[in-house]
Every structure is written in structure tokens, then in C-alpha cells.
N, C-alpha and C. Protein backbone atom coordinates (compact mmCIF):
# COMPACT_ATOMS: atom_id res chain seq x y z
N MET A 1 27.50 42.36 45.06
CA MET A 1 28.93 41.44 45.73
C MET A 1 28.33 39.85 45.21
N THR A 2 29.20 39.15 44.81
CA THR A 2 28.97 37.75 44.50
C THR A 2 29.03 36.58 45.47
N SER A 3 27.90 35.96 45.90
CA SER A 3 28.01 34.90 47.27
C SER A 3 28.79 33.74 46.95
N PRO A 4 29.04 33.52 47.75
CA PRO A 4 30.21 32.07 47.76
C PRO A 4 29.46 31.07 46.83
N LEU A 5 28.51 30.73 46.97
CA LEU A 5 27.97 29.77 45.96
C LEU A 5 28.02 30.15 44.40
N GLU A 6 27.59 31.52 44.25
CA GLU A 6 27.71 31.92 42.79
C GLU A 6 29.34 31.85 42.32
N THR A 7 30.28 32.23 43.15
CA THR A 7 31.45 31.95 42.71
C THR A 7 32.18 30.71 42.81
N LEU A 8 31.61 30.15 43.53
CA LEU A 8 32.02 28.30 43.06
C LEU A 8 31.30 27.69 41.73
N SER A 9 30.02 28.15 41.69
CA SER A 9 29.34 27.80 40.54
C SER A 9 29.99 28.18 39.08
N MET A 10 30.67 29.28 39.11
CA MET A 10 31.15 29.90 38.04
C MET A 10 32.98 29.54 37.58
N CYS A 11 33.16 28.74 38.61
CA CYS A 11 34.46 27.85 38.74
C CYS A 11 34.94 27.38 37.34
N ASP A 12 35.85 27.54 36.56
CA ASP A 12 36.56 26.87 35.64
C ASP A 12 35.49 26.26 34.54
N GLU A 13 34.58 27.23 34.26
CA GLU A 13 33.55 26.70 33.10
C GLU A 13 34.43 26.19 31.78
N ALA A 14 35.69 26.67 31.53
CA ALA A 14 36.20 26.05 30.33
C ALA A 14 36.94 24.65 30.69
N GLY A 15 36.72 24.08 29.93
CA GLY A 15 37.24 22.52 30.01
C GLY A 15 36.17 21.77 31.21
N GLY A 16 35.38 22.24 31.96
CA GLY A 16 34.58 21.45 32.93
C GLY A 16 33.47 20.78 32.03
N ARG A 17 32.93 19.72 33.01
CA ARG A 17 31.74 19.32 32.10
C ARG A 17 30.74 18.81 33.35
N GLU A 18 29.55 18.44 32.77
CA GLU A 18 28.58 18.06 33.65
C GLU A 18 28.17 16.48 33.44
N ARG A 19 27.96 16.03 34.57
CA ARG A 19 27.52 14.39 34.49
C ARG A 19 26.45 14.23 35.55
N TYR A 20 25.81 13.25 35.44
CA TYR A 20 24.59 13.11 36.23
C TYR A 20 24.77 11.36 36.88
N PHE A 21 23.99 11.49 37.97
CA PHE A 21 24.23 10.33 39.08
C PHE A 21 22.82 9.98 39.64
N LEU A 22 22.72 8.63 39.83
CA LEU A 22 21.72 8.46 40.59
C LEU A 22 21.67 8.92 42.08
N THR A 23 22.68 8.30 42.71
CA THR A 23 22.94 8.59 44.30
C THR A 23 24.45 8.83 44.45
N TYR A 24 24.67 8.89 46.12
CA TYR A 24 26.17 9.03 46.31
C TYR A 24 26.20 7.95 47.54
N ARG A 25 27.24 7.65 48.05
CA ARG A 25 27.56 7.04 49.15
C ARG A 25 28.52 7.63 50.16
N GLY A 26 28.37 7.18 51.31
CA GLY A 26 29.57 7.74 52.37
C GLY A 26 28.93 9.03 52.83
N THR A 27 29.61 9.66 53.70
CA THR A 27 29.35 11.08 54.25
C THR A 27 30.77 12.00 54.15
N ARG A 28 31.68 11.22 53.74
CA ARG A 28 33.19 12.21 53.58
C ARG A 28 33.07 12.99 52.42
N LEU A 29 33.51 14.16 52.39
CA LEU A 29 33.60 15.42 51.18
C LEU A 29 34.89 15.12 50.69
N PRO A 30 34.88 15.48 49.19
CA PRO A 30 33.26 15.60 48.37
C PRO A 30 32.88 14.21 48.33
N LEU A 31 31.40 14.42 48.26
CA LEU A 31 30.45 13.10 48.02
C LEU A 31 30.97 12.00 46.75
N GLN A 32 30.96 11.15 47.04
CA GLN A 32 31.31 9.93 46.17
C GLN A 32 30.06 9.51 45.55
N LEU A 33 29.74 10.39 44.40
CA LEU A 33 28.58 10.07 43.37
C LEU A 33 28.82 8.69 42.76
N THR A 34 27.49 8.01 42.98
CA THR A 34 27.61 6.39 42.14
C THR A 34 26.65 6.52 40.98
N GLN A 35 26.59 5.54 40.53
CA GLN A 35 25.39 5.05 39.41
C GLN A 35 25.37 6.29 38.31
N GLU A 36 26.17 6.26 37.63
CA GLU A 36 26.16 7.32 36.56
C GLU A 36 25.25 7.32 35.41
N LEU A 37 24.37 8.10 35.40
CA LEU A 37 23.22 8.34 34.63
C LEU A 37 23.55 8.92 33.07
N PRO A 38 23.14 8.32 31.72
CA PRO A 38 23.17 8.78 30.68
C PRO A 38 22.23 10.05 30.61
N THR A 39 22.63 11.11 29.86
CA THR A 39 21.68 12.14 29.62
C THR A 39 20.32 12.01 29.38
N GLY A 40 20.18 10.83 28.40
CA GLY A 40 18.66 10.45 27.97
C GLY A 40 17.89 9.90 28.93
N ALA A 41 18.51 9.42 30.01
CA ALA A 41 17.93 8.70 31.28
C ALA A 41 16.99 9.61 31.96
N LEU A 42 17.28 11.16 31.82
CA LEU A 42 17.11 11.96 32.99
C LEU A 42 15.68 12.07 32.92
N ARG A 43 15.02 12.03 31.59
CA ARG A 43 13.34 12.39 31.31
C ARG A 43 12.64 11.42 32.15
N HIS A 44 13.27 10.39 32.50
CA HIS A 44 12.43 8.90 33.24
C HIS A 44 12.56 9.21 34.62
N ARG A 45 13.60 10.01 35.04
CA ARG A 45 13.81 10.01 36.51
C ARG A 45 13.07 11.17 37.45
N ASN A 46 12.82 10.88 38.57
CA ASN A 46 11.94 12.25 39.33
C ASN A 46 13.47 12.40 39.95
N THR A 47 14.25 11.85 40.38
CA THR A 47 15.44 12.23 41.48
C THR A 47 16.60 11.89 40.81
N TYR A 48 17.49 12.86 40.78
CA TYR A 48 19.15 12.35 40.35
C TYR A 48 19.92 13.76 40.70
N ILE A 49 21.10 13.31 40.55
CA ILE A 49 22.25 14.54 41.11
C ILE A 49 23.10 14.85 39.66
N ARG A 50 23.05 16.11 39.70
CA ARG A 50 23.70 16.89 38.40
C ARG A 50 24.81 17.22 39.07
N ALA A 51 26.31 16.88 38.43
CA ALA A 51 27.55 17.20 38.84
C ALA A 51 28.23 18.02 37.98
N ARG A 52 28.79 19.34 38.35
CA ARG A 52 29.88 19.84 37.63
C ARG A 52 31.00 19.44 37.99
N TYR A 53 32.10 19.26 36.95
CA TYR A 53 33.76 18.88 37.19
C TYR A 53 34.29 19.99 36.34
N ASP A 54 35.54 20.54 37.09
CA ASP A 54 36.50 21.34 36.70
C ASP A 54 37.28 20.78 35.49
N GLY A 55 38.19 21.67 34.76
CA GLY A 55 39.10 20.93 33.87
C GLY A 55 39.96 19.96 34.63
N LEU A 56 40.24 19.65 35.84
CA LEU A 56 41.11 18.86 36.13
C LEU A 56 40.21 17.82 36.79
N ASP A 57 38.95 17.41 36.49
CA ASP A 57 38.02 16.45 36.74
C ASP A 57 37.82 16.08 38.06
N ARG A 58 37.65 17.33 38.82
CA ARG A 58 37.65 17.67 40.42
C ARG A 58 35.93 18.17 40.48
N LEU A 59 35.25 17.31 41.35
CA LEU A 59 33.99 17.76 41.73
C LEU A 59 34.02 19.15 42.32
N ILE A 60 33.14 20.06 41.60
CA ILE A 60 33.13 21.63 42.16
C ILE A 60 31.78 21.87 42.39
N ARG A 61 30.93 21.04 42.05
CA ARG A 61 29.17 21.46 42.34
C ARG A 61 28.66 20.21 42.10
N CYS A 62 27.52 20.01 43.13
CA CYS A 62 26.43 18.96 42.85
C CYS A 62 25.21 19.47 43.40
N GLU A 63 24.22 19.01 42.69
CA GLU A 63 22.99 19.47 42.98
C GLU A 63 21.95 18.26 42.96
N LYS A 64 21.25 17.97 44.09
CA LYS A 64 20.31 16.90 44.18
C LYS A 64 18.71 17.40 43.65
N LEU A 65 18.61 16.87 42.53
CA LEU A 65 17.22 17.41 42.12
C LEU A 65 16.06 16.53 42.17
N VAL A 66 15.00 16.72 42.55
CA VAL A 66 13.67 16.20 42.86
C VAL A 66 12.42 16.71 42.32
N TYR A 67 11.98 16.09 41.58
CA TYR A 67 10.65 16.55 40.54
C TYR A 67 11.08 18.03 40.25
N GLY A 68 12.10 18.18 39.71
CA GLY A 68 12.71 19.11 38.93
C GLY A 68 13.43 20.51 39.99
N GLU A 69 13.12 20.42 41.16
CA GLU A 69 13.39 21.34 42.09
C GLU A 69 14.61 20.82 42.70
N VAL A 70 15.70 21.76 43.02
CA VAL A 70 16.86 21.62 43.71
C VAL A 70 16.65 21.53 45.09
N GLU A 71 17.08 20.44 45.84
CA GLU A 71 17.02 19.90 47.26
C GLU A 71 18.14 20.10 47.93
N MET A 72 19.24 19.87 47.42
CA MET A 72 20.41 19.81 48.14
C MET A 72 21.76 20.65 47.34
N ILE A 73 22.30 21.34 47.60
CA ILE A 73 23.66 21.74 46.96
C ILE A 73 25.04 21.55 47.58
N HIS A 74 26.16 20.94 46.93
CA HIS A 74 27.25 20.86 47.60
C HIS A 74 28.21 21.75 46.39
N ALA A 75 28.82 22.81 46.82
CA ALA A 75 29.88 23.27 46.36
C ALA A 75 31.21 23.31 46.92
N TYR A 76 32.43 22.97 46.00
CA TYR A 76 33.56 22.58 46.48
C TYR A 76 34.64 23.55 46.25
N GLU A 77 35.60 23.73 46.84
CA GLU A 77 36.68 24.61 46.49
C GLU A 77 38.08 23.91 46.93
N TYR A 78 39.12 24.05 46.07
CA TYR A 78 40.31 23.14 46.22
C TYR A 78 41.31 24.08 46.16
N ASP A 79 42.64 23.73 47.00
CA ASP A 79 43.79 24.55 47.23
C ASP A 79 44.56 24.19 46.10
N PRO A 80 45.85 25.11 46.02
CA PRO A 80 46.61 24.86 44.87
C PRO A 80 47.27 23.52 44.75
N ALA A 81 47.20 22.83 45.78
CA ALA A 81 47.67 21.27 45.91
C ALA A 81 46.75 20.21 45.30
N GLY A 82 45.67 20.80 44.97
CA GLY A 82 44.43 20.10 44.83
C GLY A 82 43.51 19.16 45.78
N ARG A 83 43.78 19.78 46.91
CA ARG A 83 42.99 19.13 48.22
C ARG A 83 41.70 19.90 48.52
N LEU A 84 40.66 19.49 48.86
CA LEU A 84 39.49 20.06 49.08
C LEU A 84 39.80 21.10 50.36
N CYS A 85 39.30 22.36 50.22
CA CYS A 85 40.02 23.43 51.39
C CYS A 85 38.62 23.97 51.99
N ARG A 86 37.41 23.86 51.14
CA ARG A 86 36.17 24.71 51.66
C ARG A 86 34.95 23.92 50.83
N ALA A 87 33.87 23.63 51.63
CA ALA A 87 32.94 23.20 51.25
C ALA A 87 31.35 23.90 51.47
N ILE A 88 30.66 24.44 50.68
CA ILE A 88 29.33 24.88 50.82
C ILE A 88 28.13 24.25 50.62
N ILE A 89 27.28 24.15 51.68
CA ILE A 89 26.23 22.94 51.65
C ILE A 89 24.86 23.90 52.02
N THR A 90 24.15 23.42 51.00
CA THR A 90 22.84 24.14 51.25
C THR A 90 21.67 22.78 51.23
N VAL A 91 21.03 22.75 52.13
CA VAL A 91 19.85 21.81 52.12
C VAL A 91 18.55 22.70 51.98
N GLY A 92 17.70 22.39 51.13
CA GLY A 92 16.22 22.83 50.91
C GLY A 92 16.33 24.59 51.13
N ASP A 93 15.81 25.04 51.89
CA ASP A 93 15.79 26.61 52.03
C ASP A 93 16.55 27.13 53.18
N GLU A 94 17.23 26.22 53.72
CA GLU A 94 18.25 26.81 54.95
C GLU A 94 19.31 27.56 54.15
N GLU A 95 19.62 28.33 55.37
CA GLU A 95 21.02 29.07 55.04
C GLU A 95 22.05 28.11 54.49
N PRO A 96 22.97 28.52 53.62
CA PRO A 96 24.51 27.91 53.18
C PRO A 96 25.12 27.65 54.50
N ARG A 97 25.80 26.61 54.73
CA ARG A 97 26.55 26.39 55.78
C ARG A 97 28.20 26.03 55.13
N THR A 98 29.14 26.78 55.56
CA THR A 98 30.43 26.84 55.05
C THR A 98 31.31 25.81 55.86
N LEU A 99 32.02 25.06 55.26
CA LEU A 99 32.74 24.31 56.06
C LEU A 99 34.36 24.72 55.66
N TYR A 100 35.24 25.09 56.41
CA TYR A 100 36.50 25.21 56.03
C TYR A 100 37.51 24.00 56.43
N LEU A 101 38.03 23.21 55.70
CA LEU A 101 38.85 21.85 55.64
C LEU A 101 40.30 22.15 55.71
N ASP A 102 40.97 21.57 56.78
CA ASP A 102 42.34 21.67 56.52
C ASP A 102 42.97 20.12 56.50
N ALA A 103 44.32 20.28 56.43
CA ALA A 103 44.79 19.00 56.26
C ALA A 103 44.73 18.00 57.30
N GLU A 104 44.58 18.32 58.60
CA GLU A 104 44.40 17.54 59.59
C GLU A 104 42.91 16.87 59.51
N SER A 105 42.15 17.94 59.00
CA SER A 105 40.56 16.91 59.08
C SER A 105 40.57 16.07 57.87
N LEU A 106 41.14 16.12 56.92
CA LEU A 106 41.00 15.13 55.78
C LEU A 106 41.58 13.61 56.32
N PRO A 107 40.84 12.79 55.60
CA PRO A 107 41.56 11.50 55.51
C PRO A 107 42.81 11.30 54.84
């Protein structure tokens, strides 16, 4: 059986794209990634965030990498109206935590 993280990571590979960032700001979901990095700058960085976007340019997965190891993962799923409805968050070796979001809980 496919885990929720694997399912979300396979979302919309066609038309999706990968981008890289230095950090994020705020605590709301999905994370607001900032300071985009060109691919060529990654070899000079010990820490960065790898982000995957779907064909509609929605953030579907981001991974914080520290010295080549994944330290944190956020995987997002959206409802048919384009609103974030589920987030799966993994920090380090901890078990993934799934958050189900409804219209009342979003800003």
C-alpha cells in the first residue's frame, strides 16, 4: 500500500516543477518560501529547501535539506476549489503528522 507521503509526492509530475529556496517565513500553511536560489548555487549551500510545484503552480511538497540529509518534509493536498485541505508534516525521524484543514480553519 502507498503511504500518504508517497501519494502526495507523485502528484501531477507532468507540468510540475522543482525550485529551490533559502528559507521560509511565517507559520501558516502552505509554507511561504523565500529567497529563491538558482540551481547552480546549491553546490555552495549546506542548507536549502527543495520545493515541488504542480501544473497549477501550487506547492505540493517541500523538503529542508541540511548537509544532504532531509530534515523536514511538508506535503500538501488541495481540494477541487484549490484550497489546501491536507498537510502531512515530518520532522526528522518522527512519525508523519497529518493535518486536515477545513474552510473555517484557513485565513
